Amino acid sequence: MNKHVLIAMSSHDTMTNGQKTGTFLPEVAHAYWVFEKAGFKVSFISVKGGEVPLYETDRDESTIRFAQRPTLMQSVHSSLTADD
């Protein structure tokens, strides 16, 4: 049996009050490394699919390592939709 997990991310970059928002990259990065270490295949999804708005207020080692992997960032920015 293949183990597969989806990490769901936001497609929205602005809240109704005008405040900027998006996907907090450290949450994605930390989860990714845990799932990868456990042998899961990881896919990224968002409501609209495609590129997702990212923000990162704390850049720790896990987040930096994630952001420096072009294939991971490409997967994030070409996210699937739930229908996919």
PDB file of N, CA and C in Angstrom:
ATOM      1  N   MET A   1       0.840  -1.179   0.000  1.00  0.00           N
ATOM      2  CA  MET A   1       0.000   0.000   0.000  1.00  0.00           C
ATOM      3  C   MET A   1       0.887   1.245   0.000  1.00  0.00           C
ATOM      4  N   ASN A   2       0.625   2.143  -0.935  1.00  0.00           N
ATOM      5  CA  ASN A   2       1.350   3.407  -0.987  1.00  0.00           C
ATOM      6  C   ASN A   2       0.706   4.404  -0.044  1.00  0.00           C
ATOM      7  N   LYS A   3       1.522   5.099   0.715  1.00  0.00           N
ATOM      8  CA  LYS A   3       1.018   6.121   1.622  1.00  0.00           C
ATOM      9  C   LYS A   3       1.102   7.472   0.927  1.00  0.00           C
ATOM     10  N   HIS A   4       0.008   8.203   0.954  1.00  0.00           N
ATOM     11  CA  HIS A   4      -0.060   9.482   0.252  1.00  0.00           C
ATOM     12  C   HIS A   4      -0.806  10.474   1.138  1.00  0.00           C
ATOM     13  N   VAL A   5      -0.296  11.685   1.214  1.00  0.00           N
ATOM     14  CA  VAL A   5      -0.941  12.736   2.002  1.00  0.00           C
ATOM     15  C   VAL A   5      -1.049  13.991   1.154  1.00  0.00           C
ATOM     16  N   LEU A   6      -2.131  14.732   1.361  1.00  0.00           N
ATOM     17  CA  LEU A   6      -2.323  16.015   0.704  1.00  0.00           C
ATOM     18  C   LEU A   6      -2.142  17.120   1.728  1.00  0.00           C
ATOM     19  N   ILE A   7      -1.368  18.125   1.381  1.00  0.00           N
ATOM     20  CA  ILE A   7      -1.254  19.317   2.219  1.00  0.00           C
ATOM     21  C   ILE A   7      -2.093  20.394   1.542  1.00  0.00           C
ATOM     22  N   ALA A   8      -3.147  20.831   2.240  1.00  0.00           N
ATOM     23  CA  ALA A   8      -4.063  21.831   1.691  1.00  0.00           C
ATOM     24  C   ALA A   8      -3.578  23.232   2.036  1.00  0.00           C
ATOM     25  N   MET A   9      -3.627  24.110   1.035  1.00  0.00           N
ATOM     26  CA  MET A   9      -3.150  25.480   1.203  1.00  0.00           C
ATOM     27  C   MET A   9      -4.213  26.455   0.724  1.00  0.00           C
ATOM     28  N   SER A  10      -4.064  27.697   1.130  1.00  0.00           N
ATOM     29  CA  SER A  10      -5.006  28.744   0.749  1.00  0.00           C
ATOM     30  C   SER A  10      -4.713  29.270  -0.651  1.00  0.00           C
ATOM     31  N   SER A  11      -5.768  29.654  -1.354  1.00  0.00           N
ATOM     32  CA  SER A  11      -5.620  30.342  -2.637  1.00  0.00           C
ATOM     33  C   SER A  11      -5.822  31.842  -2.485  1.00  0.00           C
ATOM     34  N   HIS A  12      -6.203  32.270  -1.310  1.00  0.00           N
ATOM     35  CA  HIS A  12      -6.566  33.667  -1.090  1.00  0.00           C
ATOM     36  C   HIS A  12      -5.385  34.470  -0.556  1.00  0.00           C
ATOM     37  N   ASP A  13      -5.224  35.691  -1.088  1.00  0.00           N
ATOM     38  CA  ASP A  13      -4.121  36.542  -0.639  1.00  0.00           C
ATOM     39  C   ASP A  13      -4.581  37.745   0.178  1.00  0.00           C
ATOM     40  N   THR A  14      -5.906  37.954   0.258  1.00  0.00           N
ATOM     41  CA  THR A  14      -6.434  39.098   0.993  1.00  0.00           C
ATOM     42  C   THR A  14      -7.705  38.682   1.727  1.00  0.00           C
ATOM     43  N   MET A  15      -7.820  39.076   3.000  1.00  0.00           N
ATOM     44  CA  MET A  15      -9.046  38.820   3.764  1.00  0.00           C
ATOM     45  C   MET A  15     -10.077  39.899   3.437  1.00  0.00           C
ATOM     46  N   THR A  16     -11.300  39.691   3.880  1.00  0.00           N
ATOM     47  CA  THR A  16     -12.369  40.643   3.575  1.00  0.00           C
ATOM     48  C   THR A  16     -12.094  42.038   4.117  1.00  0.00           C
ATOM     49  N   ASN A  17     -11.275  42.155   5.151  1.00  0.00           N
ATOM     50  CA  ASN A  17     -10.945  43.471   5.709  1.00  0.00           C
ATOM     51  C   ASN A  17      -9.738  44.109   5.012  1.00  0.00           C
ATOM     52  N   GLY A  18      -9.234  43.480   3.957  1.00  0.00           N
ATOM     53  CA  GLY A  18      -8.109  44.024   3.205  1.00  0.00           C
ATOM     54  C   GLY A  18      -6.746  43.568   3.690  1.00  0.00           C
ATOM     55  N   GLN A  19      -6.702  42.888   4.817  1.00  0.00           N
ATOM     56  CA  GLN A  19      -5.426  42.418   5.358  1.00  0.00           C
ATOM     57  C   GLN A  19      -4.866  41.302   4.486  1.00  0.00           C
ATOM     58  N   LYS A  20      -3.536  41.345   4.258  1.00  0.00           N
ATOM     59  CA  LYS A  20      -2.869  40.310   3.462  1.00  0.00           C
ATOM     60  C   LYS A  20      -2.883  38.980   4.211  1.00  0.00           C
ATOM     61  N   THR A  21      -3.012  37.917   3.457  1.00  0.00           N
ATOM     62  CA  THR A  21      -3.004  36.566   4.025  1.00  0.00           C
ATOM     63  C   THR A  21      -2.418  35.622   2.986  1.00  0.00           C
ATOM     64  N   GLY A  22      -2.495  34.370   3.230  1.00  0.00           N
ATOM     65  CA  GLY A  22      -1.980  33.367   2.310  1.00  0.00           C
ATOM     66  C   GLY A  22      -1.646  32.108   3.079  1.00  0.00           C
ATOM     67  N   THR A  23      -0.759  31.333   2.537  1.00  0.00           N
ATOM     68  CA  THR A  23      -0.313  30.103   3.169  1.00  0.00           C
ATOM     69  C   THR A  23       0.977  30.398   3.932  1.00  0.00           C
ATOM     70  N   PHE A  24       1.000  30.022   5.191  1.00  0.00           N
ATOM     71  CA  PHE A  24       2.168  30.238   6.041  1.00  0.00           C
ATOM     72  C   PHE A  24       3.164  29.129   5.744  1.00  0.00           C
ATOM     73  N   LEU A  25       4.228  29.461   5.023  1.00  0.00           N
ATOM     74  CA  LEU A  25       5.177  28.463   4.535  1.00  0.00           C
ATOM     75  C   LEU A  25       5.772  27.578   5.624  1.00  0.00           C
ATOM     76  N   PRO A  26       6.100  28.079   6.824  1.00  0.00           N
ATOM     77  CA  PRO A  26       6.634  27.170   7.841  1.00  0.00           C
ATOM     78  C   PRO A  26       5.692  26.016   8.180  1.00  0.00           C
ATOM     79  N   GLU A  27       4.379  26.249   8.160  1.00  0.00           N
ATOM     80  CA  GLU A  27       3.445  25.150   8.434  1.00  0.00           C
ATOM     81  C   GLU A  27       3.510  24.082   7.357  1.00  0.00           C
ATOM     82  N   VAL A  28       3.648  24.496   6.116  1.00  0.00           N
ATOM     83  CA  VAL A  28       3.761  23.546   5.008  1.00  0.00           C
ATOM     84  C   VAL A  28       5.092  22.803   5.096  1.00  0.00           C
ATOM     85  N   ALA A  29       6.172  23.536   5.307  1.00  0.00           N
ATOM     86  CA  ALA A  29       7.511  22.937   5.335  1.00  0.00           C
ATOM     87  C   ALA A  29       7.660  21.931   6.470  1.00  0.00           C
ATOM     88  N   HIS A  30       7.227  22.296   7.654  1.00  0.00           N
ATOM     89  CA  HIS A  30       7.377  21.392   8.801  1.00  0.00           C
ATOM     90  C   HIS A  30       6.589  20.103   8.581  1.00  0.00           C
ATOM     91  N   ALA A  31       5.344  20.240   8.099  1.00  0.00           N
ATOM     92  CA  ALA A  31       4.529  19.048   7.831  1.00  0.00           C
ATOM     93  C   ALA A  31       5.172  18.191   6.746  1.00  0.00           C
ATOM     94  N   TYR A  32       5.664  18.832   5.700  1.00  0.00           N
ATOM     95  CA  TYR A  32       6.280  18.094   4.595  1.00  0.00           C
ATOM     96  C   TYR A  32       7.406  17.191   5.082  1.00  0.00           C
ATOM     97  N   TRP A  33       8.323  17.748   5.875  1.00  0.00           N
ATOM     98  CA  TRP A  33       9.472  16.956   6.319  1.00  0.00           C
ATOM     99  C   TRP A  33       9.057  15.787   7.201  1.00  0.00           C
ATOM    100  N   VAL A  34       8.041  15.954   8.021  1.00  0.00           N
ATOM    101  CA  VAL A  34       7.542  14.851   8.865  1.00  0.00           C
ATOM    102  C   VAL A  34       6.968  13.745   7.983  1.00  0.00           C
ATOM    103  N   PHE A  35       6.130  14.129   7.019  1.00  0.00           N
ATOM    104  CA  PHE A  35       5.513  13.131   6.140  1.00  0.00           C
ATOM    105  C   PHE A  35       6.558  12.451   5.259  1.00  0.00           C
ATOM    106  N   GLU A  36       7.507  13.213   4.737  1.00  0.00           N
ATOM    107  CA  GLU A  36       8.539  12.632   3.888  1.00  0.00           C
ATOM    108  C   GLU A  36       9.361  11.607   4.668  1.00  0.00           C
ATOM    109  N   LYS A  37       9.733  11.966   5.879  1.00  0.00           N
ATOM    110  CA  LYS A  37      10.528  11.054   6.709  1.00  0.00           C
ATOM    111  C   LYS A  37       9.775   9.760   7.007  1.00  0.00           C
ATOM    112  N   ALA A  38       8.446   9.861   7.114  1.00  0.00           N
ATOM    113  CA  ALA A  38       7.615   8.686   7.392  1.00  0.00           C
ATOM    114  C   ALA A  38       7.314   7.870   6.140  1.00  0.00           C
ATOM    115  N   GLY A  39       7.826   8.317   4.989  1.00  0.00           N
ATOM    116  CA  GLY A  39       7.666   7.550   3.762  1.00  0.00           C
ATOM    117  C   GLY A  39       6.423   7.869   2.947  1.00  0.00           C
ATOM    118  N   PHE A  40       5.747   8.970   3.259  1.00  0.00           N
ATOM    119  CA  PHE A  40       4.559   9.358   2.515  1.00  0.00           C
ATOM    120  C   PHE A  40       4.928  10.076   1.228  1.00  0.00           C
ATOM    121  N   LYS A  41       4.135   9.877   0.190  1.00  0.00           N
ATOM    122  CA  LYS A  41       4.178  10.731  -0.985  1.00  0.00           C
ATOM    123  C   LYS A  41       3.356  11.961  -0.610  1.00  0.00           C
ATOM    124  N   VAL A  42       3.864  13.146  -0.887  1.00  0.00           N
ATOM    125  CA  VAL A  42       3.190  14.383  -0.504  1.00  0.00           C
ATOM    126  C   VAL A  42       2.795  15.156  -1.751  1.00  0.00           C
ATOM    127  N   SER A  43       1.521  15.550  -1.805  1.00  0.00           N
ATOM    128  CA  SER A  43       1.032  16.422  -2.872  1.00  0.00           C
ATOM    129  C   SER A  43       0.448  17.664  -2.232  1.00  0.00           C
ATOM    130  N   PHE A  44       0.407  18.737  -3.001  1.00  0.00           N
ATOM    131  CA  PHE A  44      -0.080  20.017  -2.502  1.00  0.00           C
ATOM    132  C   PHE A  44      -1.350  20.392  -3.257  1.00  0.00           C
ATOM    133  N   ILE A  45      -2.391  20.814  -2.514  1.00  0.00           N
ATOM    134  CA  ILE A  45      -3.637  21.237  -3.143  1.00  0.00           C
ATOM    135  C   ILE A  45      -4.036  22.608  -2.608  1.00  0.00           C
ATOM    136  N   SER A  46      -4.846  23.298  -3.392  1.00  0.00           N
ATOM    137  CA  SER A  46      -5.427  24.566  -2.964  1.00  0.00           C
ATOM    138  C   SER A  46      -6.799  24.692  -3.626  1.00  0.00           C
ATOM    139  N   VAL A  47      -7.573  25.634  -3.168  1.00  0.00           N
ATOM    140  CA  VAL A  47      -8.940  25.791  -3.679  1.00  0.00           C
ATOM    141  C   VAL A  47      -8.935  26.018  -5.194  1.00  0.00           C
ATOM    142  N   LYS A  48      -8.140  26.968  -5.657  1.00  0.00           N
ATOM    143  CA  LYS A  48      -8.115  27.309  -7.081  1.00  0.00           C
ATOM    144  C   LYS A  48      -7.107  26.486  -7.878  1.00  0.00           C
ATOM    145  N   GLY A  49      -6.157  25.847  -7.192  1.00  0.00           N
ATOM    146  CA  GLY A  49      -5.066  25.180  -7.884  1.00  0.00           C
ATOM    147  C   GLY A  49      -4.067  26.201  -8.396  1.00  0.00           C
ATOM    148  N   GLY A  50      -2.935  25.718  -8.850  1.00  0.00           N
ATOM    149  CA  GLY A  50      -1.912  26.625  -9.376  1.00  0.00           C
ATOM    150  C   GLY A  50      -1.126  27.305  -8.277  1.00  0.00           C
ATOM    151  N   GLU A  51      -0.694  28.533  -8.564  1.00  0.00           N
ATOM    152  CA  GLU A  51       0.153  29.272  -7.638  1.00  0.00           C
ATOM    153  C   GLU A  51      -0.617  29.690  -6.391  1.00  0.00           C
ATOM    154  N   VAL A  52       0.043  29.590  -5.253  1.00  0.00           N
ATOM    155  CA  VAL A  52      -0.571  30.001  -3.986  1.00  0.00           C
ATOM    156  C   VAL A  52       0.215  31.163  -3.383  1.00  0.00           C
ATOM    157  N   PRO A  53      -0.485  32.083  -2.714  1.00  0.00           N
ATOM    158  CA  PRO A  53       0.221  33.166  -2.039  1.00  0.00           C
ATOM    159  C   PRO A  53       0.891  32.630  -0.781  1.00  0.00           C
ATOM    160  N   LEU A  54       2.159  32.934  -0.609  1.00  0.00           N
ATOM    161  CA  LEU A  54       2.906  32.468   0.552  1.00  0.00           C
ATOM    162  C   LEU A  54       3.333  33.648   1.411  1.00  0.00           C
ATOM    163  N   TYR A  55       3.364  33.412   2.708  1.00  0.00           N
ATOM    164  CA  TYR A  55       4.014  34.375   3.590  1.00  0.00           C
ATOM    165  C   TYR A  55       4.767  33.579   4.637  1.00  0.00           C
ATOM    166  N   GLU A  56       5.788  34.176   5.155  1.00  0.00           N
ATOM    167  CA  GLU A  56       6.649  33.470   6.103  1.00  0.00           C
ATOM    168  C   GLU A  56       7.232  34.488   7.067  1.00  0.00           C
ATOM    169  N   THR A  57       6.734  34.487   8.285  1.00  0.00           N
ATOM    170  CA  THR A  57       7.216  35.473   9.245  1.00  0.00           C
ATOM    171  C   THR A  57       8.387  34.946  10.060  1.00  0.00           C
ATOM    172  N   ASP A  58       8.584  33.653  10.076  1.00  0.00           N
ATOM    173  CA  ASP A  58       9.785  33.133  10.731  1.00  0.00           C
ATOM    174  C   ASP A  58      10.430  32.107   9.813  1.00  0.00           C
ATOM    175  N   ARG A  59      11.665  32.331   9.542  1.00  0.00           N
ATOM    176  CA  ARG A  59      12.384  31.433   8.635  1.00  0.00           C
ATOM    177  C   ARG A  59      13.363  30.612   9.449  1.00  0.00           C
ATOM    178  N   ASP A  60      12.955  29.399   9.725  1.00  0.00           N
ATOM    179  CA  ASP A  60      13.826  28.491  10.462  1.00  0.00           C
ATOM    180  C   ASP A  60      14.492  27.530   9.476  1.00  0.00           C
ATOM    181  N   GLU A  61      15.288  26.632   9.997  1.00  0.00           N
ATOM    182  CA  GLU A  61      16.064  25.722   9.143  1.00  0.00           C
ATOM    183  C   GLU A  61      15.175  24.876   8.232  1.00  0.00           C
ATOM    184  N   SER A  62      14.072  24.349   8.760  1.00  0.00           N
ATOM    185  CA  SER A  62      13.175  23.515   7.952  1.00  0.00           C
ATOM    186  C   SER A  62      12.553  24.286   6.802  1.00  0.00           C
ATOM    187  N   THR A  63      12.154  25.525   7.079  1.00  0.00           N
ATOM    188  CA  THR A  63      11.523  26.351   6.054  1.00  0.00           C
ATOM    189  C   THR A  63      12.533  26.754   4.988  1.00  0.00           C
ATOM    190  N   ILE A  64      13.722  27.128   5.399  1.00  0.00           N
ATOM    191  CA  ILE A  64      14.768  27.507   4.445  1.00  0.00           C
ATOM    192  C   ILE A  64      15.134  26.321   3.559  1.00  0.00           C
ATOM    193  N   ARG A  65      15.292  25.150   4.155  1.00  0.00           N
ATOM    194  CA  ARG A  65      15.632  23.942   3.389  1.00  0.00           C
ATOM    195  C   ARG A  65      14.535  23.634   2.372  1.00  0.00           C
ATOM    196  N   PHE A  66      13.279  23.795   2.772  1.00  0.00           N
ATOM    197  CA  PHE A  66      12.145  23.573   1.875  1.00  0.00           C
ATOM    198  C   PHE A  66      12.172  24.585   0.723  1.00  0.00           C
ATOM    199  N   ALA A  67      12.329  25.871   1.061  1.00  0.00           N
ATOM    200  CA  ALA A  67      12.294  26.941   0.062  1.00  0.00           C
ATOM    201  C   ALA A  67      13.457  26.854  -0.929  1.00  0.00           C
ATOM    202  N   GLN A  68      14.548  26.210  -0.533  1.00  0.00           N
ATOM    203  CA  GLN A  68      15.712  26.097  -1.414  1.00  0.00           C
ATOM    204  C   GLN A  68      15.639  24.888  -2.345  1.00  0.00           C
ATOM    205  N   ARG A  69      14.575  24.130  -2.247  1.00  0.00           N
ATOM    206  CA  ARG A  69      14.398  22.983  -3.152  1.00  0.00           C
ATOM    207  C   ARG A  69      13.460  23.391  -4.290  1.00  0.00           C
ATOM    208  N   PRO A  70      14.004  23.662  -5.473  1.00  0.00           N
ATOM    209  CA  PRO A  70      13.168  24.124  -6.587  1.00  0.00           C
ATOM    210  C   PRO A  70      11.997  23.193  -6.907  1.00  0.00           C
ATOM    211  N   THR A  71      12.211  21.888  -6.811  1.00  0.00           N
ATOM    212  CA  THR A  71      11.118  20.970  -7.142  1.00  0.00           C
ATOM    213  C   THR A  71       9.973  21.073  -6.142  1.00  0.00           C
ATOM    214  N   LEU A  72      10.297  21.297  -4.882  1.00  0.00           N
ATOM    215  CA  LEU A  72       9.239  21.468  -3.876  1.00  0.00           C
ATOM    216  C   LEU A  72       8.476  22.765  -4.111  1.00  0.00           C
ATOM    217  N   MET A  73       9.205  23.849  -4.343  1.00  0.00           N
ATOM    218  CA  MET A  73       8.533  25.132  -4.566  1.00  0.00           C
ATOM    219  C   MET A  73       7.707  25.093  -5.847  1.00  0.00           C
ATOM    220  N   GLN A  74       8.182  24.392  -6.859  1.00  0.00           N
ATOM    221  CA  GLN A  74       7.400  24.242  -8.093  1.00  0.00           C
ATOM    222  C   GLN A  74       6.114  23.474  -7.810  1.00  0.00           C
ATOM    223  N   SER A  75       6.199  22.444  -6.978  1.00  0.00           N
ATOM    224  CA  SER A  75       4.998  21.677  -6.617  1.00  0.00           C
ATOM    225  C   SER A  75       4.002  22.531  -5.854  1.00  0.00           C
ATOM    226  N   VAL A  76       4.488  23.373  -4.965  1.00  0.00           N
ATOM    227  CA  VAL A  76       3.614  24.277  -4.218  1.00  0.00           C
ATOM    228  C   VAL A  76       2.937  25.252  -5.171  1.00  0.00           C
ATOM    229  N   HIS A  77       3.710  25.805  -6.100  1.00  0.00           N
ATOM    230  CA  HIS A  77       3.180  26.832  -7.001  1.00  0.00           C
ATOM    231  C   HIS A  77       2.456  26.270  -8.222  1.00  0.00           C
ATOM    232  N   SER A  78       2.337  24.970  -8.291  1.00  0.00           N
ATOM    233  CA  SER A  78       1.493  24.354  -9.309  1.00  0.00           C
ATOM    234  C   SER A  78       0.568  23.355  -8.608  1.00  0.00           C
ATOM    235  N   SER A  79      -0.012  23.832  -7.516  1.00  0.00           N
ATOM    236  CA  SER A  79      -0.850  22.962  -6.681  1.00  0.00           C
ATOM    237  C   SER A  79      -2.048  22.421  -7.448  1.00  0.00           C
ATOM    238  N   LEU A  80      -2.483  21.276  -7.033  1.00  0.00           N
ATOM    239  CA  LEU A  80      -3.671  20.643  -7.589  1.00  0.00           C
ATOM    240  C   LEU A  80      -4.914  21.247  -6.936  1.00  0.00           C
ATOM    241  N   THR A  81      -6.065  21.023  -7.539  1.00  0.00           N
ATOM    242  CA  THR A  81      -7.317  21.368  -6.862  1.00  0.00           C
ATOM    243  C   THR A  81      -7.834  20.105  -6.189  1.00  0.00           C
ATOM    244  N   ALA A  82      -8.802  20.253  -5.322  1.00  0.00           N
ATOM    245  CA  ALA A  82      -9.392  19.086  -4.678  1.00  0.00           C
ATOM    246  C   ALA A  82     -10.028  18.155  -5.711  1.00  0.00           C
ATOM    247  N   ASP A  83     -10.557  18.712  -6.795  1.00  0.00           N
ATOM    248  CA  ASP A  83     -11.142  17.888  -7.861  1.00  0.00           C
ATOM    249  C   ASP A  83     -10.106  17.012  -8.552  1.00  0.00           C
ATOM    250  N   ASP A  84      -8.853  17.514  -8.612  1.00  0.00           N
ATOM    251  CA  ASP A  84      -7.782  16.745  -9.246  1.00  0.00           C
ATOM    252  C   ASP A  84      -7.497  15.493  -8.446  1.00  0.00           C
TER     253      ASP A  84
END
